[in-house]
């Protein structure tokens, strides 16, 4: 569950299990139930051979309540594989003010 309309910092951990370094673009994408992107944030990544990195991504969550899919998509431009790697989380965006008033 995430508060709608707020900034969140997500920690995206990446592991490279190849013998070559990998670099490319890391995207954090929030999609609605129809599969349309409602918010996106991208940054570059670099991971040494057999290495790991954690990338903090500041993300402005839209002020829309409902159910969404949060995707982290790593698209390498170098390394042994050039196929994207995808991680998904199903999230609910809630109106924090309305939720606080409902619990009073």
PDB file of N, CA and C in Angstrom:
ATOM      1  N   UNK A   1       0.846  -1.172   0.000  1.00  0.00           N
ATOM      2  CA  UNK A   1       0.000   0.000   0.000  1.00  0.00           C
ATOM      3  C   UNK A   1       0.892   1.236   0.000  1.00  0.00           C
ATOM      4  N   UNK A   2       0.556   2.190  -0.867  1.00  0.00           N
ATOM      5  CA  UNK A   2       1.304   3.443  -0.944  1.00  0.00           C
ATOM      6  C   UNK A   2       0.345   4.614  -0.793  1.00  0.00           C
ATOM      7  N   UNK A   3       0.831   5.697  -0.206  1.00  0.00           N
ATOM      8  CA  UNK A   3       0.042   6.925  -0.111  1.00  0.00           C
ATOM      9  C   UNK A   3       0.040   7.609  -1.469  1.00  0.00           C
ATOM     10  N   UNK A   4      -1.149   7.851  -2.008  1.00  0.00           N
ATOM     11  CA  UNK A   4      -1.285   8.549  -3.282  1.00  0.00           C
ATOM     12  C   UNK A   4      -0.855  10.001  -3.120  1.00  0.00           C
ATOM     13  N   UNK A   5      -0.263  10.558  -4.173  1.00  0.00           N
ATOM     14  CA  UNK A   5       0.117  11.958  -4.171  1.00  0.00           C
ATOM     15  C   UNK A   5       1.347  12.301  -3.365  1.00  0.00           C
ATOM     16  N   UNK A   6       2.131  11.305  -3.001  1.00  0.00           N
ATOM     17  CA  UNK A   6       3.329  11.548  -2.194  1.00  0.00           C
ATOM     18  C   UNK A   6       4.571  11.063  -2.934  1.00  0.00           C
ATOM     19  N   UNK A   7       5.713  11.571  -2.505  1.00  0.00           N
ATOM     20  CA  UNK A   7       6.991  11.109  -3.052  1.00  0.00           C
ATOM     21  C   UNK A   7       7.473   9.928  -2.219  1.00  0.00           C
ATOM     22  N   UNK A   8       7.903   8.881  -2.884  1.00  0.00           N
ATOM     23  CA  UNK A   8       8.457   7.701  -2.231  1.00  0.00           C
ATOM     24  C   UNK A   8       9.847   7.455  -2.810  1.00  0.00           C
ATOM     25  N   UNK A   9      10.737   6.934  -1.997  1.00  0.00           N
ATOM     26  CA  UNK A   9      12.048   6.513  -2.486  1.00  0.00           C
ATOM     27  C   UNK A   9      12.076   4.994  -2.446  1.00  0.00           C
ATOM     28  N   UNK A  10      12.248   4.397  -3.620  1.00  0.00           N
ATOM     29  CA  UNK A  10      12.305   2.949  -3.738  1.00  0.00           C
ATOM     30  C   UNK A  10      13.759   2.529  -3.888  1.00  0.00           C
ATOM     31  N   UNK A  11      14.137   1.456  -3.212  1.00  0.00           N
ATOM     32  CA  UNK A  11      15.475   0.891  -3.309  1.00  0.00           C
ATOM     33  C   UNK A  11      15.403  -0.299  -4.273  1.00  0.00           C
ATOM     34  N   UNK A  12      16.015  -0.168  -5.433  1.00  0.00           N
ATOM     35  CA  UNK A  12      15.993  -1.241  -6.433  1.00  0.00           C
ATOM     36  C   UNK A  12      17.344  -1.941  -6.394  1.00  0.00           C
ATOM     37  N   UNK A  13      17.340  -3.192  -5.939  1.00  0.00           N
ATOM     38  CA  UNK A  13      18.570  -3.966  -5.850  1.00  0.00           C
ATOM     39  C   UNK A  13      18.742  -4.773  -7.124  1.00  0.00           C
ATOM     40  N   UNK A  14      19.941  -4.688  -7.693  1.00  0.00           N
ATOM     41  CA  UNK A  14      20.243  -5.404  -8.935  1.00  0.00           C
ATOM     42  C   UNK A  14      21.453  -6.297  -8.713  1.00  0.00           C
ATOM     43  N   UNK A  15      21.411  -7.474  -9.318  1.00  0.00           N
ATOM     44  CA  UNK A  15      22.512  -8.440  -9.215  1.00  0.00           C
ATOM     45  C   UNK A  15      22.913  -8.853 -10.620  1.00  0.00           C
ATOM     46  N   UNK A  16      24.207  -8.852 -10.878  1.00  0.00           N
ATOM     47  CA  UNK A  16      24.732  -9.292 -12.164  1.00  0.00           C
ATOM     48  C   UNK A  16      25.440 -10.622 -11.949  1.00  0.00           C
ATOM     49  N   UNK A  17      24.870 -11.694 -12.484  1.00  0.00           N
ATOM     50  CA  UNK A  17      25.498 -13.004 -12.322  1.00  0.00           C
ATOM     51  C   UNK A  17      26.272 -13.423 -13.569  1.00  0.00           C
ATOM     52  N   UNK A  18      26.639 -12.450 -14.402  1.00  0.00           N
ATOM     53  CA  UNK A  18      27.450 -12.697 -15.596  1.00  0.00           C
ATOM     54  C   UNK A  18      28.903 -12.320 -15.337  1.00  0.00           C
ATOM     55  N   UNK A  19      29.790 -12.868 -16.162  1.00  0.00           N
ATOM     56  CA  UNK A  19      31.218 -12.591 -16.055  1.00  0.00           C
ATOM     57  C   UNK A  19      31.602 -11.272 -16.725  1.00  0.00           C
ATOM     58  N   UNK A  20      30.625 -10.557 -17.282  1.00  0.00           N
ATOM     59  CA  UNK A  20      30.866  -9.247 -17.887  1.00  0.00           C
ATOM     60  C   UNK A  20      30.060  -8.186 -17.142  1.00  0.00           C
ATOM     61  N   UNK A  21      30.621  -6.988 -17.080  1.00  0.00           N
ATOM     62  CA  UNK A  21      29.877  -5.871 -16.494  1.00  0.00           C
ATOM     63  C   UNK A  21      28.654  -5.590 -17.357  1.00  0.00           C
ATOM     64  N   UNK A  22      27.655  -4.979 -16.752  1.00  0.00           N
ATOM     65  CA  UNK A  22      26.439  -4.645 -17.470  1.00  0.00           C
ATOM     66  C   UNK A  22      26.054  -3.207 -17.146  1.00  0.00           C
ATOM     67  N   UNK A  23      25.549  -2.502 -18.152  1.00  0.00           N
ATOM     68  CA  UNK A  23      25.041  -1.150 -17.927  1.00  0.00           C
ATOM     69  C   UNK A  23      23.866  -0.907 -18.852  1.00  0.00           C
ATOM     70  N   UNK A  24      23.094   0.082 -18.512  1.00  0.00           N
ATOM     71  CA  UNK A  24      21.928   0.383 -19.323  1.00  0.00           C
ATOM     72  C   UNK A  24      20.992   1.322 -18.597  1.00  0.00           C
ATOM     73  N   UNK A  25      19.690   1.144 -18.836  1.00  0.00           N
ATOM     74  CA  UNK A  25      18.678   2.011 -18.257  1.00  0.00           C
ATOM     75  C   UNK A  25      17.798   1.221 -17.300  1.00  0.00           C
ATOM     76  N   UNK A  26      17.548   1.817 -16.143  1.00  0.00           N
ATOM     77  CA  UNK A  26      16.652   1.248 -15.142  1.00  0.00           C
ATOM     78  C   UNK A  26      15.427   2.145 -15.072  1.00  0.00           C
ATOM     79  N   UNK A  27      14.250   1.574 -15.304  1.00  0.00           N
ATOM     80  CA  UNK A  27      13.009   2.343 -15.280  1.00  0.00           C
ATOM     81  C   UNK A  27      12.102   1.819 -14.182  1.00  0.00           C
ATOM     82  N   UNK A  28      11.496   2.732 -13.461  1.00  0.00           N
ATOM     83  CA  UNK A  28      10.444   2.412 -12.502  1.00  0.00           C
ATOM     84  C   UNK A  28       9.157   2.943 -13.122  1.00  0.00           C
ATOM     85  N   UNK A  29       8.190   2.042 -13.346  1.00  0.00           N
ATOM     86  CA  UNK A  29       6.969   2.393 -14.067  1.00  0.00           C
ATOM     87  C   UNK A  29       5.765   1.967 -13.239  1.00  0.00           C
ATOM     88  N   UNK A  30       4.812   2.866 -13.073  1.00  0.00           N
ATOM     89  CA  UNK A  30       3.559   2.561 -12.397  1.00  0.00           C
ATOM     90  C   UNK A  30       2.481   2.472 -13.469  1.00  0.00           C
ATOM     91  N   UNK A  31       1.839   1.309 -13.566  1.00  0.00           N
ATOM     92  CA  UNK A  31       0.814   1.087 -14.581  1.00  0.00           C
ATOM     93  C   UNK A  31      -0.545   0.893 -13.929  1.00  0.00           C
ATOM     94  N   UNK A  32      -1.591   1.446 -14.569  1.00  0.00           N
ATOM     95  CA  UNK A  32      -2.953   1.233 -14.079  1.00  0.00           C
ATOM     96  C   UNK A  32      -3.445  -0.143 -14.510  1.00  0.00           C
ATOM     97  N   UNK A  33      -4.681  -0.474 -14.182  1.00  0.00           N
ATOM     98  CA  UNK A  33      -5.209  -1.809 -14.477  1.00  0.00           C
ATOM     99  C   UNK A  33      -5.366  -2.063 -15.974  1.00  0.00           C
ATOM    100  N   UNK A  34      -5.410  -1.008 -16.773  1.00  0.00           N
ATOM    101  CA  UNK A  34      -5.501  -1.162 -18.228  1.00  0.00           C
ATOM    102  C   UNK A  34      -4.122  -1.360 -18.858  1.00  0.00           C
ATOM    103  N   UNK A  35      -3.061  -1.268 -18.038  1.00  0.00           N
ATOM    104  CA  UNK A  35      -1.703  -1.456 -18.540  1.00  0.00           C
ATOM    105  C   UNK A  35      -1.044  -0.184 -19.042  1.00  0.00           C
ATOM    106  N   UNK A  36      -1.684   0.969 -18.837  1.00  0.00           N
ATOM    107  CA  UNK A  36      -1.120   2.250 -19.259  1.00  0.00           C
ATOM    108  C   UNK A  36      -0.220   2.811 -18.161  1.00  0.00           C
ATOM    109  N   UNK A  37       0.932   3.336 -18.555  1.00  0.00           N
ATOM    110  CA  UNK A  37       1.855   3.951 -17.601  1.00  0.00           C
ATOM    111  C   UNK A  37       1.282   5.275 -17.120  1.00  0.00           C
ATOM    112  N   UNK A  38       1.175   5.439 -15.800  1.00  0.00           N
ATOM    113  CA  UNK A  38       0.685   6.694 -15.224  1.00  0.00           C
ATOM    114  C   UNK A  38       1.818   7.499 -14.593  1.00  0.00           C
ATOM    115  N   UNK A  39       2.965   6.869 -14.369  1.00  0.00           N
ATOM    116  CA  UNK A  39       4.149   7.557 -13.850  1.00  0.00           C
ATOM    117  C   UNK A  39       5.377   6.715 -14.186  1.00  0.00           C
ATOM    118  N   UNK A  40       6.460   7.400 -14.542  1.00  0.00           N
ATOM    119  CA  UNK A  40       7.700   6.722 -14.909  1.00  0.00           C
ATOM    120  C   UNK A  40       8.884   7.541 -14.429  1.00  0.00           C
ATOM    121  N   UNK A  41       9.913   6.853 -14.000  1.00  0.00           N
ATOM    122  CA  UNK A  41      11.177   7.498 -13.629  1.00  0.00           C
ATOM    123  C   UNK A  41      12.295   6.591 -14.119  1.00  0.00           C
ATOM    124  N   UNK A  42      13.307   7.147 -14.777  1.00  0.00           N
ATOM    125  CA  UNK A  42      14.418   6.343 -15.303  1.00  0.00           C
ATOM    126  C   UNK A  42      15.745   6.883 -14.803  1.00  0.00           C
ATOM    127  N   UNK A  43      16.730   5.998 -14.834  1.00  0.00           N
ATOM    128  CA  UNK A  43      18.110   6.366 -14.510  1.00  0.00           C
ATOM    129  C   UNK A  43      19.042   5.351 -15.145  1.00  0.00           C
ATOM    130  N   UNK A  44      20.278   5.692 -15.261  1.00  0.00           N
ATOM    131  CA  UNK A  44      21.296   4.781 -15.787  1.00  0.00           C
ATOM    132  C   UNK A  44      21.740   3.831 -14.672  1.00  0.00           C
ATOM    133  N   UNK A  45      22.207   2.629 -15.081  1.00  0.00           N
ATOM    134  CA  UNK A  45      22.786   1.706 -14.103  1.00  0.00           C
ATOM    135  C   UNK A  45      24.080   1.130 -14.658  1.00  0.00           C
ATOM    136  N   UNK A  46      24.943   0.701 -13.757  1.00  0.00           N
ATOM    137  CA  UNK A  46      26.180  -0.013 -14.090  1.00  0.00           C
ATOM    138  C   UNK A  46      26.426  -1.005 -12.964  1.00  0.00           C
ATOM    139  N   UNK A  47      26.666  -2.259 -13.356  1.00  0.00           N
ATOM    140  CA  UNK A  47      26.969  -3.303 -12.375  1.00  0.00           C
ATOM    141  C   UNK A  47      28.189  -4.062 -12.868  1.00  0.00           C
ATOM    142  N   UNK A  48      29.195  -4.183 -12.010  1.00  0.00           N
ATOM    143  CA  UNK A  48      30.392  -4.942 -12.351  1.00  0.00           C
ATOM    144  C   UNK A  48      30.059  -6.418 -12.536  1.00  0.00           C
ATOM    145  N   UNK A  49      30.958  -7.147 -13.172  1.00  0.00           N
ATOM    146  CA  UNK A  49      30.809  -8.590 -13.334  1.00  0.00           C
ATOM    147  C   UNK A  49      30.621  -9.232 -11.964  1.00  0.00           C
ATOM    148  N   UNK A  50      29.644 -10.098 -11.851  1.00  0.00           N
ATOM    149  CA  UNK A  50      29.315 -10.796 -10.612  1.00  0.00           C
ATOM    150  C   UNK A  50      29.084  -9.828  -9.445  1.00  0.00           C
ATOM    151  N   UNK A  51      28.627  -8.632  -9.752  1.00  0.00           N
ATOM    152  CA  UNK A  51      28.448  -7.614  -8.727  1.00  0.00           C
ATOM    153  C   UNK A  51      26.982  -7.375  -8.390  1.00  0.00           C
ATOM    154  N   UNK A  52      26.785  -6.471  -7.474  1.00  0.00           N
ATOM    155  CA  UNK A  52      25.439  -6.058  -7.109  1.00  0.00           C
ATOM    156  C   UNK A  52      25.453  -4.573  -6.770  1.00  0.00           C
ATOM    157  N   UNK A  53      24.324  -3.930  -7.010  1.00  0.00           N
ATOM    158  CA  UNK A  53      24.163  -2.513  -6.703  1.00  0.00           C
ATOM    159  C   UNK A  53      22.728  -2.280  -6.261  1.00  0.00           C
ATOM    160  N   UNK A  54      22.543  -1.325  -5.378  1.00  0.00           N
ATOM    161  CA  UNK A  54      21.207  -0.894  -4.999  1.00  0.00           C
ATOM    162  C   UNK A  54      21.072   0.559  -5.426  1.00  0.00           C
ATOM    163  N   UNK A  55      20.018   0.824  -6.207  1.00  0.00           N
ATOM    164  CA  UNK A  55      19.775   2.162  -6.730  1.00  0.00           C
ATOM    165  C   UNK A  55      18.545   2.761  -6.071  1.00  0.00           C
ATOM    166  N   UNK A  56      18.705   3.882  -5.353  1.00  0.00           N
ATOM    167  CA  UNK A  56      17.529   4.571  -4.819  1.00  0.00           C
ATOM    168  C   UNK A  56      16.887   5.382  -5.942  1.00  0.00           C
ATOM    169  N   UNK A  57      15.565   5.295  -6.044  1.00  0.00           N
ATOM    170  CA  UNK A  57      14.839   6.052  -7.066  1.00  0.00           C
ATOM    171  C   UNK A  57      13.724   6.831  -6.375  1.00  0.00           C
ATOM    172  N   UNK A  58      13.817   8.158  -6.462  1.00  0.00           N
ATOM    173  CA  UNK A  58      12.743   9.018  -5.961  1.00  0.00           C
ATOM    174  C   UNK A  58      11.611   8.988  -6.980  1.00  0.00           C
ATOM    175  N   UNK A  59      10.403   8.740  -6.507  1.00  0.00           N
ATOM    176  CA  UNK A  59       9.274   8.511  -7.400  1.00  0.00           C
ATOM    177  C   UNK A  59       8.056   9.261  -6.882  1.00  0.00           C
ATOM    178  N   UNK A  60       7.514  10.139  -7.708  1.00  0.00           N
ATOM    179  CA  UNK A  60       6.297  10.870  -7.362  1.00  0.00           C
ATOM    180  C   UNK A  60       5.094  10.003  -7.711  1.00  0.00           C
ATOM    181  N   UNK A  61       4.445   9.482  -6.685  1.00  0.00           N
ATOM    182  CA  UNK A  61       3.265   8.636  -6.883  1.00  0.00           C
ATOM    183  C   UNK A  61       2.084   9.556  -7.200  1.00  0.00           C
ATOM    184  N   UNK A  62       1.359   9.287  -8.287  1.00  0.00           N
ATOM    185  CA  UNK A  62       0.243  10.161  -8.638  1.00  0.00           C
ATOM    186  C   UNK A  62      -0.863  10.137  -7.594  1.00  0.00           C
ATOM    187  N   UNK A  63      -1.648  11.182  -7.600  1.00  0.00           N
ATOM    188  CA  UNK A  63      -2.733  11.313  -6.631  1.00  0.00           C
ATOM    189  C   UNK A  63      -3.988  10.627  -7.185  1.00  0.00           C
ATOM    190  N   UNK A  64      -3.900   9.329  -7.370  1.00  0.00           N
ATOM    191  CA  UNK A  64      -4.996   8.508  -7.897  1.00  0.00           C
ATOM    192  C   UNK A  64      -5.116   7.267  -7.027  1.00  0.00           C
ATOM    193  N   UNK A  65      -6.237   7.085  -6.377  1.00  0.00           N
ATOM    194  CA  UNK A  65      -6.440   5.879  -5.576  1.00  0.00           C
ATOM    195  C   UNK A  65      -6.789   4.726  -6.507  1.00  0.00           C
ATOM    196  N   UNK A  66      -6.408   3.521  -6.112  1.00  0.00           N
ATOM    197  CA  UNK A  66      -6.755   2.341  -6.890  1.00  0.00           C
ATOM    198  C   UNK A  66      -5.640   1.319  -6.879  1.00  0.00           C
ATOM    199  N   UNK A  67      -5.789   0.326  -7.745  1.00  0.00           N
ATOM    200  CA  UNK A  67      -4.829  -0.771  -7.840  1.00  0.00           C
ATOM    201  C   UNK A  67      -3.955  -0.589  -9.067  1.00  0.00           C
ATOM    202  N   UNK A  68      -2.651  -0.823  -8.880  1.00  0.00           N
ATOM    203  CA  UNK A  68      -1.656  -0.583  -9.921  1.00  0.00           C
ATOM    204  C   UNK A  68      -0.596  -1.674  -9.886  1.00  0.00           C
ATOM    205  N   UNK A  69       0.238  -1.689 -10.921  1.00  0.00           N
ATOM    206  CA  UNK A  69       1.407  -2.558 -10.953  1.00  0.00           C
ATOM    207  C   UNK A  69       2.629  -1.651 -11.008  1.00  0.00           C
ATOM    208  N   UNK A  70       3.555  -1.851 -10.069  1.00  0.00           N
ATOM    209  CA  UNK A  70       4.810  -1.114 -10.050  1.00  0.00           C
ATOM    210  C   UNK A  70       5.881  -2.029 -10.638  1.00  0.00           C
ATOM    211  N   UNK A  71       6.501  -1.580 -11.724  1.00  0.00           N
ATOM    212  CA  UNK A  71       7.509  -2.391 -12.412  1.00  0.00           C
ATOM    213  C   UNK A  71       8.867  -1.719 -12.351  1.00  0.00           C
ATOM    214  N   UNK A  72       9.890  -2.525 -12.093  1.00  0.00           N
ATOM    215  CA  UNK A  72      11.277  -2.093 -12.262  1.00  0.00           C
ATOM    216  C   UNK A  72      11.787  -2.858 -13.476  1.00  0.00           C
ATOM    217  N   UNK A  73      12.226  -2.118 -14.492  1.00  0.00           N
ATOM    218  CA  UNK A  73      12.665  -2.735 -15.744  1.00  0.00           C
ATOM    219  C   UNK A  73      14.100  -2.302 -16.017  1.00  0.00           C
ATOM    220  N   UNK A  74      15.009  -3.276 -16.034  1.00  0.00           N
ATOM    221  CA  UNK A  74      16.409  -3.005 -16.342  1.00  0.00           C
ATOM    222  C   UNK A  74      16.665  -3.435 -17.782  1.00  0.00           C
ATOM    223  N   UNK A  75      17.025  -2.462 -18.626  1.00  0.00           N
ATOM    224  CA  UNK A  75      17.301  -2.741 -20.041  1.00  0.00           C
ATOM    225  C   UNK A  75      18.780  -2.488 -20.290  1.00  0.00           C
ATOM    226  N   UNK A  76      19.571  -3.559 -20.424  1.00  0.00           N
ATOM    227  CA  UNK A  76      21.006  -3.385 -20.617  1.00  0.00           C
ATOM    228  C   UNK A  76      21.342  -2.935 -22.037  1.00  0.00           C
ATOM    229  N   UNK A  77      22.379  -2.105 -22.125  1.00  0.00           N
ATOM    230  CA  UNK A  77      22.914  -1.711 -23.428  1.00  0.00           C
ATOM    231  C   UNK A  77      24.280  -2.343 -23.658  1.00  0.00           C
ATOM    232  N   UNK A  78      24.820  -2.978 -22.615  1.00  0.00           N
ATOM    233  CA  UNK A  78      26.079  -3.714 -22.747  1.00  0.00           C
ATOM    234  C   UNK A  78      26.046  -4.891 -21.792  1.00  0.00           C
ATOM    235  N   UNK A  79      26.905  -5.839 -22.037  1.00  0.00           N
ATOM    236  CA  UNK A  79      26.925  -7.067 -21.242  1.00  0.00           C
ATOM    237  C   UNK A  79      26.575  -8.231 -22.150  1.00  0.00           C
ATOM    238  N   UNK A  80      26.541  -9.415 -21.601  1.00  0.00           N
ATOM    239  CA  UNK A  80      26.325 -10.601 -22.428  1.00  0.00           C
ATOM    240  C   UNK A  80      24.887 -10.743 -22.897  1.00  0.00           C
ATOM    241  N   UNK A  81      23.922 -10.206 -22.145  1.00  0.00           N
ATOM    242  CA  UNK A  81      22.522 -10.289 -22.551  1.00  0.00           C
ATOM    243  C   UNK A  81      21.963  -8.888 -22.713  1.00  0.00           C
ATOM    244  N   UNK A  82      21.140  -8.716 -23.731  1.00  0.00           N
ATOM    245  CA  UNK A  82      20.518  -7.419 -23.948  1.00  0.00           C
ATOM    246  C   UNK A  82      19.013  -7.500 -23.769  1.00  0.00           C
ATOM    247  N   UNK A  83      18.540  -8.520 -23.088  1.00  0.00           N
ATOM    248  CA  UNK A  83      17.114  -8.668 -22.803  1.00  0.00           C
ATOM    249  C   UNK A  83      16.784  -7.939 -21.502  1.00  0.00           C
ATOM    250  N   UNK A  84      15.661  -7.238 -21.443  1.00  0.00           N
ATOM    251  CA  UNK A  84      15.288  -6.568 -20.193  1.00  0.00           C
ATOM    252  C   UNK A  84      14.983  -7.563 -19.082  1.00  0.00           C
ATOM    253  N   UNK A  85      15.238  -7.141 -17.862  1.00  0.00           N
ATOM    254  CA  UNK A  85      14.857  -7.887 -16.668  1.00  0.00           C
ATOM    255  C   UNK A  85      13.756  -7.106 -15.986  1.00  0.00           C
ATOM    256  N   UNK A  86      12.699  -7.808 -15.569  1.00  0.00           N
ATOM    257  CA  UNK A  86      11.509  -7.165 -15.039  1.00  0.00           C
ATOM    258  C   UNK A  86      11.176  -7.702 -13.653  1.00  0.00           C
ATOM    259  N   UNK A  87      10.859  -6.774 -12.744  1.00  0.00           N
ATOM    260  CA  UNK A  87      10.348  -7.125 -11.418  1.00  0.00           C
ATOM    261  C   UNK A  87       9.031  -6.381 -11.243  1.00  0.00           C
ATOM    262  N   UNK A  88       7.998  -7.079 -10.754  1.00  0.00           N
ATOM    263  CA  UNK A  88       6.677  -6.465 -10.595  1.00  0.00           C
ATOM    264  C   UNK A  88       6.196  -6.583  -9.159  1.00  0.00           C
ATOM    265  N   UNK A  89       5.483  -5.548  -8.731  1.00  0.00           N
ATOM    266  CA  UNK A  89       4.812  -5.551  -7.433  1.00  0.00           C
ATOM    267  C   UNK A  89       3.415  -4.991  -7.642  1.00  0.00           C
ATOM    268  N   UNK A  90       2.426  -5.659  -7.093  1.00  0.00           N
ATOM    269  CA  UNK A  90       1.058  -5.172  -7.177  1.00  0.00           C
ATOM    270  C   UNK A  90       0.833  -4.275  -5.965  1.00  0.00           C
ATOM    271  N   UNK A  91       0.389  -3.045  -6.215  1.00  0.00           N
ATOM    272  CA  UNK A  91       0.242  -2.073  -5.137  1.00  0.00           C
ATOM    273  C   UNK A  91      -1.144  -1.430  -5.174  1.00  0.00           C
ATOM    274  N   UNK A  92      -1.557  -0.938  -4.019  1.00  0.00           N
ATOM    275  CA  UNK A  92      -2.779  -0.155  -3.926  1.00  0.00           C
ATOM    276  C   UNK A  92      -2.389   1.245  -3.490  1.00  0.00           C
ATOM    277  N   UNK A  93      -2.835   2.251  -4.238  1.00  0.00           N
ATOM    278  CA  UNK A  93      -2.624   3.632  -3.852  1.00  0.00           C
ATOM    279  C   UNK A  93      -3.848   4.085  -3.077  1.00  0.00           C
ATOM    280  N   UNK A  94      -3.606   4.658  -1.910  1.00  0.00           N
ATOM    281  CA  UNK A  94      -4.712   5.085  -1.045  1.00  0.00           C
ATOM    282  C   UNK A  94      -4.581   6.563  -0.745  1.00  0.00           C
ATOM    283  N   UNK A  95      -5.721   7.201  -0.550  1.00  0.00           N
ATOM    284  CA  UNK A  95      -5.782   8.587  -0.137  1.00  0.00           C
ATOM    285  C   UNK A  95      -5.515   8.604   1.367  1.00  0.00           C
ATOM    286  N   UNK A  96      -4.340   9.045   1.757  1.00  0.00           N
ATOM    287  CA  UNK A  96      -3.924   8.981   3.165  1.00  0.00           C
ATOM    288  C   UNK A  96      -4.835   9.813   4.058  1.00  0.00           C
ATOM    289  N   UNK A  97      -5.290  10.973   3.591  1.00  0.00           N
ATOM    290  CA  UNK A  97      -6.152  11.833   4.401  1.00  0.00           C
ATOM    291  C   UNK A  97      -7.497  11.158   4.632  1.00  0.00           C
ATOM    292  N   UNK A  98      -8.096  10.618   3.571  1.00  0.00           N
ATOM    293  CA  UNK A  98      -9.383   9.938   3.706  1.00  0.00           C
ATOM    294  C   UNK A  98      -9.258   8.710   4.604  1.00  0.00           C
ATOM    295  N   UNK A  99      -8.131   8.010   4.489  1.00  0.00           N
ATOM    296  CA  UNK A  99      -7.910   6.823   5.308  1.00  0.00           C
ATOM    297  C   UNK A  99      -7.794   7.211   6.782  1.00  0.00           C
ATOM    298  N   UNK A 100      -7.093   8.319   7.084  1.00  0.00           N
ATOM    299  CA  UNK A 100      -6.961   8.785   8.465  1.00  0.00           C
ATOM    300  C   UNK A 100      -8.321   9.183   9.045  1.00  0.00           C
ATOM    301  N   UNK A 101      -9.134   9.867   8.247  1.00  0.00           N
ATOM    302  CA  UNK A 101     -10.449  10.291   8.717  1.00  0.00           C
ATOM    303  C   UNK A 101     -11.376   9.108   8.951  1.00  0.00           C
ATOM    304  N   UNK A 102     -11.231   8.069   8.149  1.00  0.00           N
ATOM    305  CA  UNK A 102     -12.074   6.881   8.289  1.00  0.00           C
ATOM    306  C   UNK A 102     -11.749   6.097   9.556  1.00  0.00           C
ATOM    307  N   UNK A 103     -10.516   6.205  10.040  1.00  0.00           N
ATOM    308  CA  UNK A 103     -10.115   5.448  11.231  1.00  0.00           C
ATOM    309  C   UNK A 103     -10.393   6.215  12.518  1.00  0.00           C
ATOM    310  N   UNK A 104     -10.841   7.453  12.401  1.00  0.00           N
ATOM    311  CA  UNK A 104     -11.132   8.245  13.614  1.00  0.00           C
ATOM    312  C   UNK A 104     -12.453   7.900  14.212  1.00  0.00           C
TER     313      UNK A 104
END
